[in-house]
Amino acid sequence: MTHNTELFARAQGVIPGGVNSPVRAFRSVGGTPPFITSGAGARIRDADGKSYIDYVGSWGPLILGHADPDTVRTVQQAAARGLSFGAPTAGEIELAELLTRLVPSMEMVRLVSSGTEATMSAIRLARGHTGRDTLIKFEGCYHGHSDSLLVKAGSGMLTFGNPSSAGVPADLARHTLVLGYNDVGALREAFARSGDTIAGVIIEPVAGNMNLVAPAPDFLATLRELCTRHGAVLIFDEVMTGFRVGLTSAQGLYGITPDLSTFGKVVGGGLPLGAFGGRREIMEKVAPLGPVYQAGTLSGNPLSVAAGLTTLKKVQAAGFYEALADTARRFTEGLCAAAQRHGIPFSAQAVGGMFGLYFAATPPRNYAEVMAMDVVAFNRFFHAMLEAGVYLAPSAFEAGFVSAAHTPADIEATLAAADKAFSMLAK
């Protein structure tokens, strides 16, 4: 049997960092990443033969758990009919109709192959629709790796951003204004100064890429009001929150209607699929109807569509999201209780089937508070849990996920492992 250490050594010879997405390399927490060989329900197994209770879930898509039998069966049936056609299929229409029915703000939808592609296309569409260039994003929010979005905050509250990756031209980054998440004052000031140049605002309505940060009560409502007043396009990046925090996604949960939305992860049921959509008058600017070009050879791939349709049909079952939220609540409350028993500064919270764990006394409200957390304590906790057979996100700055496959016994076993891990930290 080939083991994790051998596989990682081989991978580093032919793949940058040995991984095909950076956080998988365990650079943040240290150590050798497990190479996964299989998954079933709430568990995964690695190349060393070790089983883990999984709270990553492929970073969110696997809301039904690993290898859901119904999803696997429909993908197998689709594969038997053909892997890809580069031509329209009836399944694409069915998925688009389902999305527009479940998310009322989505009057028209375009299917793509990833969340990054969806957000990149939505931003281009916002600029094409308004004829403006400036984009507002929020510090700590991640919307994929397209050039316009790999931007960090400038030196002042309302300065334009600087590239956060080599290869991103500074001239492109200057069109992106970076503000603090949950900072209503900065938001109002930005629109007062630059409202007539702002094409759109893109935001994770629940931030999940700087750990989980929930929106303040008035933040999203103020954002909606300012975009409407100044004619800017409000883009909700629901790649992570879409059908994860509720059947109507975050926009339904908080009662805010965006102009455009982007989806990924859950909508593909574990296979590569994304979507962007919104108001008909904006979506009709997309080629071939309008001047905003977007295309993709594998867009609407029949295997991904089959997986997405099966998943979205199953999550509509009565009580599905209530049970999912209850699992996440019992998990986070149990962790907080265990940490308190051992005197560890710790907090946790959940929104639907997402959760955040923080080595801080209270949940963070913005990027600065996230960065103030005790990362060393998290890393020690992570490795103690990994050793105990619990797979958490290998970074203090990522949200986690529960699935419908997590049983009460899984949660109890996880909390027992956490109690021992907190005990170790207290020594």
Protein backbone atom coordinates (compact mmCIF):
# COMPACT_ATOMS: atom_id res chain seq x y z
CA MET A 1 0.00 0.00 0.00
CA THR A 2 1.23 3.49 -0.88
CA HIS A 3 1.07 5.76 2.18
CA ASN A 4 0.35 9.47 2.67
CA THR A 5 4.02 10.42 3.08
CA GLU A 6 5.05 8.58 -0.09
CA LEU A 7 2.23 10.10 -2.11
CA PHE A 8 3.02 13.61 -0.87
CA ALA A 9 6.68 13.21 -1.80
CA ARG A 10 5.74 12.03 -5.30
CA ALA A 11 3.21 14.81 -5.74
CA GLN A 12 5.69 17.54 -4.85
CA GLY A 13 7.88 16.46 -7.74
CA VAL A 14 5.24 17.11 -10.38
CA ILE A 15 2.57 19.39 -8.80
CA PRO A 16 3.40 22.82 -7.27
CA GLY A 17 3.41 22.25 -3.50
CA GLY A 18 2.14 18.73 -4.12
CA VAL A 19 -1.49 19.88 -4.30
CA ASN A 20 -3.93 21.29 -6.82
CA SER A 21 -5.36 23.91 -4.45
CA PRO A 22 -3.10 25.66 -1.90
CA VAL A 23 -4.90 25.06 1.42
CA ARG A 24 -4.70 21.30 0.88
CA ALA A 25 -0.91 21.44 1.38
CA PHE A 26 -1.25 21.86 5.18
CA ARG A 27 1.23 24.78 5.05
CA SER A 28 -0.93 26.68 7.56
CA VAL A 29 -1.08 23.89 10.15
CA GLY A 30 2.05 21.91 9.29
CA GLY A 31 2.44 18.22 8.65
CA THR A 32 1.61 15.86 5.84
CA PRO A 33 -1.87 16.02 4.30
CA PRO A 34 -3.83 12.78 4.18
CA PHE A 35 -4.43 11.55 0.64
CA ILE A 36 -8.06 10.46 0.50
CA THR A 37 -8.94 7.14 -1.08
CA SER A 38 -12.69 6.93 -0.41
CA GLY A 39 -15.63 8.45 1.37
CA ALA A 40 -19.04 7.25 2.53
CA GLY A 41 -21.60 9.21 4.50
CA ALA A 42 -19.85 11.44 7.02
CA ARG A 43 -16.52 9.61 6.84
CA ILE A 44 -13.45 9.55 4.62
CA ARG A 45 -10.51 7.15 4.52
CA ASP A 46 -6.91 7.98 3.65
CA ALA A 47 -4.03 6.13 2.01
CA ASP A 48 -2.82 4.91 5.41
CA GLY A 49 -6.19 3.23 5.92
CA LYS A 50 -7.28 5.67 8.64
CA SER A 51 -10.92 6.74 8.90
CA TYR A 52 -12.00 10.28 9.78
CA ILE A 53 -15.28 12.00 10.59
CA ASP A 54 -15.22 14.69 7.91
CA TYR A 55 -16.23 18.32 8.55
CA VAL A 56 -14.80 19.67 5.29
CA GLY A 57 -17.15 17.89 2.89
CA SER A 58 -15.11 18.82 -0.19
CA TRP A 59 -15.30 22.41 1.11
CA GLY A 60 -19.07 22.50 1.20
CA PRO A 61 -20.67 20.70 -1.76
CA LEU A 62 -21.40 17.39 -0.04
CA ILE A 63 -24.46 18.44 1.91
CA LEU A 64 -25.82 14.87 1.56
CA GLY A 65 -22.53 13.30 2.62
CA HIS A 66 -19.97 11.34 0.62
CA ALA A 67 -21.09 8.99 -2.15
CA ASP A 68 -24.80 9.61 -1.65
CA PRO A 69 -26.34 6.54 -3.35
CA ASP A 70 -29.00 8.47 -5.29
CA THR A 71 -26.48 11.01 -6.58
CA VAL A 72 -23.97 8.34 -7.56
CA ARG A 73 -26.68 6.38 -9.40
CA THR A 74 -27.88 9.38 -11.45
CA VAL A 75 -24.30 10.30 -12.38
CA GLN A 76 -23.62 6.73 -13.49
CA GLN A 77 -26.75 6.78 -15.62
CA ALA A 78 -25.77 10.11 -17.15
CA ALA A 79 -22.23 8.87 -17.87
CA ALA A 80 -23.62 5.86 -19.68
CA ARG A 81 -25.42 8.22 -22.06
CA GLY A 82 -22.31 10.29 -22.77
CA LEU A 83 -19.77 12.35 -20.82
CA SER A 84 -20.13 15.66 -22.65
CA PHE A 85 -21.73 17.04 -25.78
CA GLY A 86 -20.92 20.75 -26.06
CA ALA A 87 -24.55 21.11 -27.08
CA PRO A 88 -27.81 21.85 -25.22
CA THR A 89 -29.47 19.15 -23.12
CA ALA A 90 -32.85 19.00 -21.41
CA GLY A 91 -31.16 18.59 -18.03
CA GLU A 92 -29.70 22.11 -18.27
CA ILE A 93 -33.18 23.54 -18.66
CA GLU A 94 -34.50 21.52 -15.74
CA LEU A 95 -31.69 22.73 -13.47
CA ALA A 96 -32.10 26.35 -14.56
CA GLU A 97 -35.85 26.17 -13.97
CA LEU A 98 -35.28 24.67 -10.53
CA LEU A 99 -32.79 27.39 -9.60
CA THR A 100 -35.14 30.16 -10.67
CA ARG A 101 -37.95 28.58 -8.68
CA LEU A 102 -35.93 28.17 -5.49
CA VAL A 103 -34.18 31.57 -5.69
CA PRO A 104 -36.74 34.23 -6.71
CA SER A 105 -34.09 36.87 -7.50
CA MET A 106 -32.77 34.60 -10.29
CA GLU A 107 -35.02 35.33 -13.27
CA MET A 108 -32.45 33.95 -15.73
CA VAL A 109 -29.45 31.67 -15.16
CA ARG A 110 -26.26 30.77 -17.00
CA LEU A 111 -24.53 27.52 -16.02
CA VAL A 112 -20.72 27.45 -15.83
CA SER A 113 -18.10 25.04 -14.52
CA SER A 114 -16.94 26.60 -11.23
CA GLY A 115 -17.67 29.23 -8.62
CA THR A 116 -14.64 31.23 -9.75
CA GLU A 117 -16.02 31.32 -13.29
CA ALA A 118 -19.43 32.38 -11.99
CA THR A 119 -18.10 35.32 -9.96
CA MET A 120 -15.73 36.43 -12.72
CA SER A 121 -18.62 36.43 -15.19
CA ALA A 122 -20.98 38.26 -12.82
CA ILE A 123 -18.45 41.05 -12.32
CA ARG A 124 -17.93 41.43 -16.07
CA LEU A 125 -21.70 41.53 -16.48
CA ALA A 126 -22.09 44.21 -13.79
CA ARG A 127 -19.51 46.36 -15.55
CA GLY A 128 -21.06 45.72 -18.95
CA HIS A 129 -24.54 46.54 -17.68
CA THR A 130 -23.58 49.80 -15.94
CA GLY A 131 -20.78 51.00 -18.20
CA ARG A 132 -18.72 51.63 -15.06
CA ASP A 133 -15.40 50.15 -13.90
CA THR A 134 -15.16 50.28 -10.10
CA LEU A 135 -15.87 47.17 -8.04
CA ILE A 136 -16.27 47.05 -4.27
CA LYS A 137 -15.26 43.91 -2.38
CA PHE A 138 -14.70 43.29 1.33
CA GLU A 139 -11.52 42.44 3.16
CA GLY A 140 -11.34 38.74 3.97
CA CYS A 141 -13.98 37.70 1.42
CA TYR A 142 -12.77 35.34 -1.31
CA HIS A 143 -14.57 35.12 -4.62
CA GLY A 144 -12.27 32.94 -6.68
CA HIS A 145 -8.87 33.59 -8.21
CA SER A 146 -9.69 35.89 -11.13
CA ASP A 147 -7.47 38.97 -11.37
CA SER A 148 -10.06 41.55 -10.30
CA LEU A 149 -10.59 39.73 -7.02
CA LEU A 150 -7.04 38.92 -5.87
CA VAL A 151 -6.80 42.30 -4.22
CA LYS A 152 -6.00 43.23 -0.63
CA ALA A 153 -6.94 46.39 1.21
CA GLY A 154 -4.94 49.52 0.49
CA SER A 155 -3.16 51.56 3.14
CA GLY A 156 -6.22 53.61 4.09
CA MET A 157 -9.86 52.83 4.76
CA LEU A 158 -11.02 54.08 1.38
CA THR A 159 -7.98 53.54 -0.81
CA PHE A 160 -8.09 51.30 -3.82
CA GLY A 161 -6.64 47.84 -3.46
CA ASN A 162 -3.21 46.41 -4.14
CA PRO A 163 -2.58 43.06 -5.85
CA SER A 164 -2.42 40.17 -3.39
CA SER A 165 -0.94 37.77 -5.95
CA ALA A 166 1.98 38.02 -8.32
CA GLY A 167 0.76 38.30 -11.89
CA VAL A 168 -2.11 40.67 -11.12
CA PRO A 169 -1.45 44.05 -12.77
CA ALA A 170 -1.59 47.01 -10.39
CA ASP A 171 -3.54 48.89 -13.06
CA LEU A 172 -6.30 46.27 -12.86
CA ALA A 173 -6.30 46.20 -9.06
CA ARG A 174 -6.86 49.95 -8.93
CA HIS A 175 -10.41 49.40 -10.16
CA THR A 176 -11.24 47.42 -6.99
CA LEU A 177 -12.10 49.23 -3.76
CA VAL A 178 -11.64 47.09 -0.62
CA LEU A 179 -13.71 47.85 2.48
CA GLY A 180 -14.06 46.27 5.91
CA TYR A 181 -16.75 43.62 6.34
CA ASN A 182 -19.62 44.83 8.54
CA ASP A 183 -18.33 48.45 8.40
CA VAL A 184 -21.48 50.41 7.54
CA GLY A 185 -19.73 53.76 7.97
CA ALA A 186 -17.03 52.98 5.42
CA LEU A 187 -19.65 51.65 3.05
CA ARG A 188 -21.66 54.88 3.20
CA GLU A 189 -18.53 56.98 2.75
CA ALA A 190 -17.40 54.95 -0.25
CA PHE A 191 -20.69 55.50 -2.05
CA ALA A 192 -20.74 59.19 -1.08
CA ARG A 193 -17.31 59.62 -2.69
CA SER A 194 -17.50 57.27 -5.66
CA GLY A 195 -21.13 56.25 -6.14
CA ASP A 196 -21.34 57.32 -9.79
CA THR A 197 -18.31 55.18 -10.75
CA ILE A 198 -19.25 51.96 -8.90
CA ALA A 199 -20.34 49.20 -11.25
CA GLY A 200 -21.09 46.70 -8.53
CA VAL A 201 -20.48 45.33 -5.09
CA ILE A 202 -19.65 41.66 -4.53
CA ILE A 203 -20.01 40.10 -1.10
CA GLU A 204 -20.28 36.79 0.67
CA PRO A 205 -23.55 37.39 2.58
CA VAL A 206 -22.08 35.08 5.21
CA ALA A 207 -18.31 35.19 4.94
CA GLY A 208 -16.80 31.72 4.87
CA ASN A 209 -13.27 32.29 3.64
CA MET A 210 -11.90 34.09 6.70
CA ASN A 211 -13.51 31.47 8.90
CA LEU A 212 -17.24 32.11 9.33
CA VAL A 213 -18.21 35.76 9.87
CA ALA A 214 -21.91 36.56 10.05
CA PRO A 215 -23.29 39.87 8.75
CA ALA A 216 -24.29 42.56 11.25
CA PRO A 217 -28.07 43.20 11.34
CA ASP A 218 -27.97 46.43 9.30
CA PHE A 219 -25.01 45.68 7.03
CA LEU A 220 -26.66 43.85 4.12
CA ALA A 221 -29.75 46.10 4.23
CA THR A 222 -27.56 49.23 3.99
CA LEU A 223 -25.64 47.67 1.12
CA ARG A 224 -28.87 46.96 -0.77
CA GLU A 225 -30.16 50.50 -0.20
CA LEU A 226 -26.93 52.16 -1.38
CA CYS A 227 -26.64 50.00 -4.51
CA THR A 228 -30.24 50.82 -5.44
CA ARG A 229 -29.77 54.55 -4.85
CA HIS A 230 -26.57 54.77 -6.90
CA GLY A 231 -27.44 52.32 -9.68
CA ALA A 232 -24.76 49.78 -8.75
CA VAL A 233 -25.25 46.05 -9.19
CA LEU A 234 -25.37 44.08 -5.93
CA ILE A 235 -23.79 40.65 -6.36
CA PHE A 236 -24.28 38.01 -3.69
CA ASP A 237 -21.54 35.41 -3.87
CA GLU A 238 -23.50 32.37 -2.70
CA VAL A 239 -20.99 29.84 -3.96
CA MET A 240 -20.56 28.70 -0.37
CA THR A 241 -23.86 29.76 1.24
CA GLY A 242 -26.11 28.73 -1.64
CA PHE A 243 -28.46 25.92 -0.49
CA ARG A 244 -26.08 25.44 2.44
CA VAL A 245 -27.64 27.86 4.95
CA GLY A 246 -31.20 27.22 3.81
CA LEU A 247 -33.35 26.29 0.83
CA THR A 248 -33.61 29.94 -0.26
CA SER A 249 -29.89 30.47 0.45
CA ALA A 250 -28.52 33.45 2.39
CA GLN A 251 -30.61 35.98 0.48
CA GLY A 252 -33.76 34.27 1.66
CA LEU A 253 -32.41 33.82 5.17
CA TYR A 254 -31.71 37.55 5.55
CA GLY A 255 -34.51 38.88 3.33
CA ILE A 256 -32.21 40.78 0.94
CA THR A 257 -32.69 40.64 -2.84
CA PRO A 258 -29.45 40.98 -4.87
CA ASP A 259 -29.33 41.95 -8.54
CA LEU A 260 -27.04 39.05 -9.43
CA SER A 261 -26.10 35.88 -7.55
CA THR A 262 -23.35 33.34 -8.04
CA PHE A 263 -23.60 29.70 -7.04
CA GLY A 264 -21.33 26.67 -6.91
CA LYS A 265 -20.52 23.79 -4.55
CA VAL A 266 -23.95 22.41 -3.49
CA VAL A 267 -25.52 23.13 -6.90
CA GLY A 268 -23.11 20.63 -8.47
CA GLY A 269 -23.66 17.92 -5.87
CA GLY A 270 -19.91 17.29 -5.63
CA LEU A 271 -19.06 17.67 -9.31
CA PRO A 272 -17.71 20.84 -10.99
CA LEU A 273 -20.61 23.19 -11.66
CA GLY A 274 -21.37 26.86 -11.06
CA ALA A 275 -24.10 29.29 -12.02
CA PHE A 276 -24.73 33.01 -12.13
CA GLY A 277 -28.03 34.71 -12.63
CA GLY A 278 -30.36 37.46 -11.61
CA ARG A 279 -32.61 40.15 -13.01
CA ARG A 280 -33.74 39.48 -16.56
CA GLU A 281 -32.78 42.94 -17.84
CA ILE A 282 -29.19 42.36 -16.68
CA MET A 283 -28.91 38.74 -17.79
CA GLU A 284 -30.12 39.64 -21.27
CA LYS A 285 -26.84 41.53 -21.69
CA VAL A 286 -25.02 38.14 -21.79
CA ALA A 287 -24.02 36.74 -25.20
CA PRO A 288 -25.61 35.67 -27.48
CA LEU A 289 -28.39 38.14 -26.54
CA GLY A 290 -26.11 40.98 -25.52
CA PRO A 291 -22.57 42.39 -25.67
CA VAL A 292 -21.11 40.75 -22.51
CA TYR A 293 -19.22 37.68 -23.66
CA GLN A 294 -19.13 34.47 -21.66
CA ALA A 295 -18.64 30.91 -22.89
CA GLY A 296 -17.48 27.50 -21.69
CA THR A 297 -16.91 24.20 -23.47
CA LEU A 298 -18.03 22.11 -20.48
CA SER A 299 -20.71 24.49 -19.17
CA GLY A 300 -23.79 22.48 -18.25
CA ASN A 301 -21.86 19.22 -18.32
CA PRO A 302 -24.48 16.45 -18.12
CA LEU A 303 -22.78 14.60 -15.25
CA SER A 304 -22.58 17.72 -13.10
CA VAL A 305 -26.15 18.66 -13.98
CA ALA A 306 -27.35 15.19 -12.98
CA ALA A 307 -25.57 15.41 -9.62
CA GLY A 308 -26.86 18.93 -9.01
CA LEU A 309 -30.46 18.07 -9.84
CA THR A 310 -30.46 15.05 -7.54
CA THR A 311 -28.97 17.04 -4.68
CA LEU A 312 -31.32 20.00 -5.03
CA LYS A 313 -34.33 17.71 -5.19
CA LYS A 314 -33.30 15.85 -2.04
CA VAL A 315 -32.64 18.97 0.05
CA GLN A 316 -36.27 20.01 -0.50
CA ALA A 317 -37.45 17.20 1.78
CA ALA A 318 -39.51 18.39 4.73
CA GLY A 319 -37.34 19.21 7.74
CA PHE A 320 -34.05 18.79 5.88
CA TYR A 321 -32.59 22.19 6.78
CA GLU A 322 -33.98 22.18 10.29
CA ALA A 323 -32.17 18.90 10.97
CA LEU A 324 -28.97 20.18 9.33
CA ALA A 325 -28.99 23.36 11.42
CA ASP A 326 -29.69 21.37 14.56
CA THR A 327 -26.65 19.17 13.88
CA ALA A 328 -24.43 22.23 13.42
CA ARG A 329 -25.87 23.86 16.56
CA ARG A 330 -25.31 20.77 18.72
CA PHE A 331 -21.76 20.54 17.37
CA THR A 332 -20.80 24.17 18.05
CA GLU A 333 -22.53 24.34 21.43
CA GLY A 334 -20.82 21.12 22.49
CA LEU A 335 -17.41 22.46 21.47
CA CYS A 336 -17.96 25.67 23.43
CA ALA A 337 -18.99 23.70 26.50
CA ALA A 338 -15.91 21.48 26.26
CA ALA A 339 -13.58 24.47 25.88
CA GLN A 340 -15.20 26.19 28.86
CA ARG A 341 -14.67 23.12 31.04
CA HIS A 342 -10.95 23.38 30.43
CA GLY A 343 -10.70 27.17 30.60
CA ILE A 344 -9.74 27.62 26.94
CA PRO A 345 -10.63 30.96 25.29
CA PHE A 346 -12.86 29.69 22.50
CA SER A 347 -16.09 30.45 20.69
CA ALA A 348 -18.09 28.95 17.84
CA GLN A 349 -21.21 29.67 15.83
CA ALA A 350 -23.26 28.15 13.04
CA VAL A 351 -25.41 29.48 10.21
CA GLY A 352 -27.45 26.67 8.68
CA GLY A 353 -25.05 23.87 7.80
CA MET A 354 -21.93 26.08 8.07
CA PHE A 355 -19.92 26.66 11.22
CA GLY A 356 -16.97 28.64 12.50
CA LEU A 357 -14.51 27.73 15.26
CA TYR A 358 -12.48 30.51 16.86
CA PHE A 359 -9.75 30.51 19.46
CA ALA A 360 -11.05 33.82 20.74
CA ALA A 361 -13.54 34.77 23.46
CA THR A 362 -16.21 35.90 20.98
CA PRO A 363 -16.90 35.26 17.28
CA PRO A 364 -15.14 37.77 15.01
CA ARG A 365 -17.05 40.47 13.13
CA ASN A 366 -14.42 41.36 10.52
CA TYR A 367 -11.05 40.46 9.06
CA ALA A 368 -9.03 42.27 11.73
CA GLU A 369 -10.74 40.32 14.50
CA VAL A 370 -10.21 37.07 12.61
CA MET A 371 -6.50 37.79 12.35
CA ALA A 372 -6.31 38.42 16.12
CA MET A 373 -7.32 34.83 16.94
CA ASP A 374 -4.85 32.38 18.53
CA VAL A 375 -3.67 30.50 15.44
CA VAL A 376 -1.08 28.49 17.38
CA ALA A 377 -3.81 27.10 19.63
CA PHE A 378 -5.93 26.24 16.59
CA ASN A 379 -3.05 24.38 14.94
CA ARG A 380 -2.46 22.29 18.08
CA PHE A 381 -6.18 21.56 18.32
CA PHE A 382 -6.36 20.64 14.63
CA HIS A 383 -3.60 18.05 14.91
CA ALA A 384 -5.05 16.58 18.11
CA MET A 385 -8.40 16.17 16.37
CA LEU A 386 -6.80 14.74 13.24
CA GLU A 387 -4.96 12.17 15.34
CA ALA A 388 -8.29 11.29 16.99
CA GLY A 389 -9.93 10.72 13.60
CA VAL A 390 -11.69 14.07 13.08
CA TYR A 391 -10.95 15.94 9.85
CA LEU A 392 -11.40 19.71 10.19
CA ALA A 393 -10.39 22.37 7.67
CA PRO A 394 -6.56 22.63 7.80
CA SER A 395 -6.60 26.37 8.46
CA ALA A 396 -7.85 28.70 11.18
CA PHE A 397 -9.34 30.85 8.42
CA GLU A 398 -11.85 28.48 6.83
CA ALA A 399 -15.46 27.69 7.68
CA GLY A 400 -16.51 24.11 8.25
CA PHE A 401 -19.55 22.09 7.20
CA VAL A 402 -21.88 19.43 8.50
CA SER A 403 -23.92 17.17 6.25
CA ALA A 404 -27.17 15.25 6.47
CA ALA A 405 -25.02 12.14 6.92
CA HIS A 406 -23.57 13.27 10.27
CA THR A 407 -25.32 11.23 12.94
CA PRO A 408 -25.74 11.99 16.66
CA ALA A 409 -23.08 9.32 17.26
CA ASP A 410 -20.68 11.18 14.95
CA ILE A 411 -21.23 14.41 16.88
CA GLU A 412 -20.78 12.65 20.23
CA ALA A 413 -17.53 11.03 19.07
CA THR A 414 -16.27 14.38 17.79
CA LEU A 415 -17.09 16.16 21.04
CA ALA A 416 -15.35 13.45 23.04
CA ALA A 417 -12.23 13.95 20.91
CA ALA A 418 -12.53 17.72 21.35
CA ASP A 419 -12.73 17.37 25.12
CA LYS A 420 -9.39 15.53 25.11
CA ALA A 421 -7.89 18.09 22.71
CA PHE A 422 -8.94 21.02 24.90
CA SER A 423 -7.57 19.17 27.92
CA MET A 424 -4.23 18.90 26.15
CA LEU A 425 -4.26 22.64 25.36
CA ALA A 426 -4.93 23.49 29.00
CA LYS A 427 -1.71 21.80 30.18
